Amino acid sequence: MEGLEKAISERVSFLKEQINPQNKLLVNRAFEIQIETIRSANTEEEAVQVPRKQKQLEDAKDVASIERLCNELEGSGRLQGQVVKHI
């Protein structure tokens, strides 16, 4: 799992570097949501979380929820890719 932890740490570092005062607030918030999603994810439960979040996205009515869920799914998708790569 060391390789996975390193990959996750590198991704979080990359996302942190993308946060910039020159960006629009919405762009920086998207990076922050992805960081939070990656950090808080339990890799074993991630396979269950993604379909649940996709269903929530389908049912979402307001723009804020849609934005948040899209960004969470982006972070989760990258995490899943790293998990598969390191199994």
N, C-alpha and C. Protein backbone atom coordinates (compact mmCIF):
# COMPACT_ATOMS: atom_id res chain seq x y z
N MET A 1 0.81 -1.21 0.00
CA MET A 1 0.00 0.00 0.00
C MET A 1 0.85 1.27 0.00
N GLU A 2 2.15 1.14 0.21
CA GLU A 2 3.00 2.33 0.21
C GLU A 2 2.90 3.07 -1.11
N GLY A 3 2.88 2.35 -2.21
CA GLY A 3 2.77 2.97 -3.53
C GLY A 3 1.47 3.75 -3.68
N LEU A 4 0.38 3.17 -3.17
CA LEU A 4 -0.92 3.84 -3.22
C LEU A 4 -0.89 5.11 -2.38
N GLU A 5 -0.37 5.02 -1.18
CA GLU A 5 -0.31 6.19 -0.30
C GLU A 5 0.53 7.30 -0.93
N LYS A 6 1.62 6.91 -1.58
CA LYS A 6 2.47 7.89 -2.25
C LYS A 6 1.72 8.55 -3.40
N ALA A 7 1.02 7.74 -4.19
CA ALA A 7 0.26 8.27 -5.33
C ALA A 7 -0.83 9.24 -4.85
N ILE A 8 -1.51 8.88 -3.77
CA ILE A 8 -2.55 9.74 -3.21
C ILE A 8 -1.94 11.04 -2.71
N SER A 9 -0.83 10.94 -2.01
CA SER A 9 -0.14 12.12 -1.50
C SER A 9 0.30 13.03 -2.64
N GLU A 10 0.82 12.44 -3.71
CA GLU A 10 1.24 13.23 -4.87
C GLU A 10 0.05 13.93 -5.52
N ARG A 11 -1.08 13.23 -5.61
CA ARG A 11 -2.27 13.84 -6.22
C ARG A 11 -2.76 15.01 -5.37
N VAL A 12 -2.78 14.84 -4.05
CA VAL A 12 -3.21 15.91 -3.16
C VAL A 12 -2.26 17.10 -3.30
N SER A 13 -0.97 16.84 -3.35
CA SER A 13 0.01 17.92 -3.52
C SER A 13 -0.22 18.66 -4.84
N PHE A 14 -0.46 17.89 -5.90
CA PHE A 14 -0.73 18.51 -7.20
C PHE A 14 -1.96 19.41 -7.13
N LEU A 15 -3.03 18.91 -6.53
CA LEU A 15 -4.25 19.71 -6.43
C LEU A 15 -4.03 20.96 -5.61
N LYS A 16 -3.27 20.85 -4.53
CA LYS A 16 -2.97 22.02 -3.70
C LYS A 16 -2.22 23.08 -4.51
N GLU A 17 -1.31 22.62 -5.36
CA GLU A 17 -0.54 23.55 -6.20
C GLU A 17 -1.44 24.28 -7.20
N GLN A 18 -2.55 23.67 -7.57
CA GLN A 18 -3.46 24.28 -8.54
C GLN A 18 -4.30 25.39 -7.94
N ILE A 19 -4.43 25.39 -6.60
CA ILE A 19 -5.21 26.43 -5.93
C ILE A 19 -4.39 27.72 -5.99
N ASN A 20 -5.04 28.74 -6.55
CA ASN A 20 -4.33 29.97 -6.84
C ASN A 20 -5.29 31.15 -6.66
N PRO A 21 -4.85 32.23 -6.04
CA PRO A 21 -5.73 33.39 -5.87
C PRO A 21 -6.18 34.00 -7.20
N GLN A 22 -5.46 33.69 -8.27
CA GLN A 22 -5.83 34.21 -9.59
C GLN A 22 -7.01 33.44 -10.19
N ASN A 23 -7.26 32.23 -9.68
CA ASN A 23 -8.38 31.42 -10.16
C ASN A 23 -9.70 32.00 -9.68
N LYS A 24 -10.76 31.63 -10.36
CA LYS A 24 -12.09 31.95 -9.86
C LYS A 24 -12.33 31.13 -8.61
N LEU A 25 -13.14 31.66 -7.72
CA LEU A 25 -13.46 30.98 -6.46
C LEU A 25 -14.00 29.58 -6.71
N LEU A 26 -14.83 29.42 -7.71
CA LEU A 26 -15.43 28.12 -8.03
C LEU A 26 -14.38 27.09 -8.43
N VAL A 27 -13.36 27.52 -9.15
CA VAL A 27 -12.28 26.61 -9.56
C VAL A 27 -11.49 26.14 -8.35
N ASN A 28 -11.12 27.09 -7.48
CA ASN A 28 -10.38 26.71 -6.26
C ASN A 28 -11.23 25.80 -5.38
N ARG A 29 -12.50 26.06 -5.30
CA ARG A 29 -13.38 25.21 -4.47
C ARG A 29 -13.45 23.80 -5.06
N ALA A 30 -13.44 23.68 -6.37
CA ALA A 30 -13.45 22.36 -7.00
C ALA A 30 -12.21 21.57 -6.60
N PHE A 31 -11.04 22.22 -6.61
CA PHE A 31 -9.81 21.56 -6.18
C PHE A 31 -9.90 21.15 -4.71
N GLU A 32 -10.44 22.03 -3.87
CA GLU A 32 -10.57 21.73 -2.44
C GLU A 32 -11.48 20.54 -2.20
N ILE A 33 -12.58 20.46 -2.92
CA ILE A 33 -13.52 19.34 -2.78
C ILE A 33 -12.84 18.04 -3.19
N GLN A 34 -12.08 18.07 -4.27
CA GLN A 34 -11.36 16.86 -4.70
C GLN A 34 -10.36 16.43 -3.65
N ILE A 35 -9.65 17.39 -3.05
CA ILE A 35 -8.69 17.07 -1.99
C ILE A 35 -9.40 16.43 -0.80
N GLU A 36 -10.50 17.04 -0.37
CA GLU A 36 -11.26 16.51 0.76
C GLU A 36 -11.77 15.10 0.47
N THR A 37 -12.24 14.88 -0.74
CA THR A 37 -12.77 13.57 -1.12
C THR A 37 -11.67 12.51 -1.09
N ILE A 38 -10.53 12.84 -1.65
CA ILE A 38 -9.42 11.89 -1.67
C ILE A 38 -8.92 11.59 -0.27
N ARG A 39 -8.77 12.62 0.54
CA ARG A 39 -8.26 12.43 1.91
C ARG A 39 -9.21 11.63 2.78
N SER A 40 -10.50 11.84 2.61
CA SER A 40 -11.47 11.20 3.51
C SER A 40 -11.92 9.83 3.01
N ALA A 41 -11.48 9.45 1.84
CA ALA A 41 -11.96 8.20 1.24
C ALA A 41 -11.38 6.97 1.94
N ASN A 42 -12.23 6.00 2.11
CA ASN A 42 -11.82 4.68 2.56
C ASN A 42 -11.74 3.85 1.29
N THR A 43 -10.54 3.46 0.91
CA THR A 43 -10.36 2.80 -0.39
C THR A 43 -11.21 1.55 -0.55
N GLU A 44 -11.52 0.87 0.54
CA GLU A 44 -12.33 -0.34 0.46
C GLU A 44 -13.80 -0.02 0.19
N GLU A 45 -14.26 1.13 0.65
CA GLU A 45 -15.65 1.51 0.47
C GLU A 45 -15.87 2.33 -0.80
N GLU A 46 -14.81 2.73 -1.44
CA GLU A 46 -14.91 3.62 -2.60
C GLU A 46 -15.73 3.00 -3.73
N ALA A 47 -15.65 1.70 -3.91
CA ALA A 47 -16.43 1.02 -4.96
C ALA A 47 -17.93 1.17 -4.72
N VAL A 48 -18.33 1.30 -3.47
CA VAL A 48 -19.74 1.48 -3.13
C VAL A 48 -20.13 2.96 -3.22
N GLN A 49 -19.20 3.84 -2.86
CA GLN A 49 -19.48 5.27 -2.81
C GLN A 49 -19.76 5.87 -4.19
N VAL A 50 -19.00 5.46 -5.19
CA VAL A 50 -19.14 6.06 -6.52
C VAL A 50 -20.55 5.88 -7.09
N PRO A 51 -21.10 4.65 -7.13
CA PRO A 51 -22.46 4.53 -7.65
C PRO A 51 -23.49 5.33 -6.83
N ARG A 52 -23.29 5.39 -5.52
CA ARG A 52 -24.20 6.16 -4.66
C ARG A 52 -24.14 7.64 -5.03
N LYS A 53 -22.93 8.16 -5.23
CA LYS A 53 -22.78 9.57 -5.60
C LYS A 53 -23.33 9.82 -7.00
N GLN A 54 -23.18 8.86 -7.91
CA GLN A 54 -23.74 9.02 -9.25
C GLN A 54 -25.27 9.11 -9.19
N LYS A 55 -25.87 8.29 -8.34
CA LYS A 55 -27.33 8.33 -8.18
C LYS A 55 -27.75 9.68 -7.57
N GLN A 56 -26.99 10.16 -6.58
CA GLN A 56 -27.29 11.47 -5.99
C GLN A 56 -27.19 12.57 -7.04
N LEU A 57 -26.21 12.45 -7.92
CA LEU A 57 -26.03 13.43 -8.99
C LEU A 57 -27.23 13.43 -9.93
N GLU A 58 -27.72 12.24 -10.27
CA GLU A 58 -28.89 12.14 -11.13
C GLU A 58 -30.11 12.81 -10.50
N ASP A 59 -30.22 12.71 -9.17
CA ASP A 59 -31.37 13.25 -8.46
C ASP A 59 -31.20 14.70 -8.03
N ALA A 60 -29.99 15.24 -8.14
CA ALA A 60 -29.70 16.60 -7.66
C ALA A 60 -30.49 17.63 -8.45
N LYS A 61 -30.97 18.63 -7.74
CA LYS A 61 -31.79 19.67 -8.36
C LYS A 61 -31.09 21.02 -8.40
N ASP A 62 -30.20 21.29 -7.45
CA ASP A 62 -29.58 22.62 -7.40
C ASP A 62 -28.13 22.58 -7.89
N VAL A 63 -27.69 23.70 -8.40
CA VAL A 63 -26.37 23.80 -9.01
C VAL A 63 -25.26 23.51 -8.00
N ALA A 64 -25.39 23.97 -6.77
CA ALA A 64 -24.35 23.75 -5.77
C ALA A 64 -24.15 22.25 -5.51
N SER A 65 -25.22 21.51 -5.39
CA SER A 65 -25.13 20.06 -5.17
C SER A 65 -24.53 19.37 -6.38
N ILE A 66 -24.92 19.79 -7.54
CA ILE A 66 -24.38 19.19 -8.77
C ILE A 66 -22.88 19.43 -8.87
N GLU A 67 -22.45 20.66 -8.61
CA GLU A 67 -21.01 20.99 -8.65
C GLU A 67 -20.24 20.16 -7.64
N ARG A 68 -20.75 20.07 -6.41
CA ARG A 68 -20.07 19.33 -5.35
C ARG A 68 -19.95 17.86 -5.71
N LEU A 69 -21.04 17.27 -6.17
CA LEU A 69 -21.03 15.85 -6.52
C LEU A 69 -20.12 15.56 -7.71
N CYS A 70 -20.12 16.44 -8.70
CA CYS A 70 -19.21 16.25 -9.85
C CYS A 70 -17.76 16.27 -9.39
N ASN A 71 -17.43 17.18 -8.50
CA ASN A 71 -16.06 17.27 -8.01
C ASN A 71 -15.70 16.09 -7.11
N GLU A 72 -16.65 15.63 -6.31
CA GLU A 72 -16.40 14.45 -5.49
C GLU A 72 -16.17 13.23 -6.38
N LEU A 73 -16.97 13.10 -7.42
CA LEU A 73 -16.81 11.98 -8.34
C LEU A 73 -15.47 12.05 -9.08
N GLU A 74 -15.04 13.24 -9.42
CA GLU A 74 -13.73 13.41 -10.06
C GLU A 74 -12.63 12.90 -9.14
N GLY A 75 -12.67 13.33 -7.87
CA GLY A 75 -11.67 12.87 -6.91
C GLY A 75 -11.76 11.38 -6.67
N SER A 76 -12.97 10.86 -6.56
CA SER A 76 -13.16 9.42 -6.33
C SER A 76 -12.69 8.60 -7.52
N GLY A 77 -12.95 9.09 -8.71
CA GLY A 77 -12.53 8.37 -9.91
C GLY A 77 -11.02 8.25 -9.99
N ARG A 78 -10.33 9.33 -9.67
CA ARG A 78 -8.87 9.29 -9.68
C ARG A 78 -8.35 8.34 -8.59
N LEU A 79 -9.01 8.36 -7.44
CA LEU A 79 -8.60 7.47 -6.36
C LEU A 79 -8.81 6.01 -6.77
N GLN A 80 -9.95 5.70 -7.38
CA GLN A 80 -10.20 4.34 -7.84
C GLN A 80 -9.13 3.89 -8.83
N GLY A 81 -8.75 4.78 -9.71
CA GLY A 81 -7.71 4.45 -10.69
C GLY A 81 -6.39 4.11 -10.00
N GLN A 82 -6.06 4.83 -8.96
CA GLN A 82 -4.82 4.56 -8.23
C GLN A 82 -4.91 3.24 -7.46
N VAL A 83 -6.08 2.95 -6.90
CA VAL A 83 -6.27 1.70 -6.17
C VAL A 83 -6.07 0.53 -7.11
N VAL A 84 -6.70 0.59 -8.28
CA VAL A 84 -6.58 -0.50 -9.26
C VAL A 84 -5.13 -0.65 -9.70
N LYS A 85 -4.48 0.45 -9.92
CA LYS A 85 -3.09 0.43 -10.38
C LYS A 85 -2.16 -0.23 -9.36
N HIS A 86 -2.46 -0.08 -8.08
CA HIS A 86 -1.57 -0.57 -7.03
C HIS A 86 -2.01 -1.89 -6.41
N ILE A 87 -3.01 -2.52 -6.97
CA ILE A 87 -3.45 -3.83 -6.42
C ILE A 87 -2.56 -4.91 -6.97
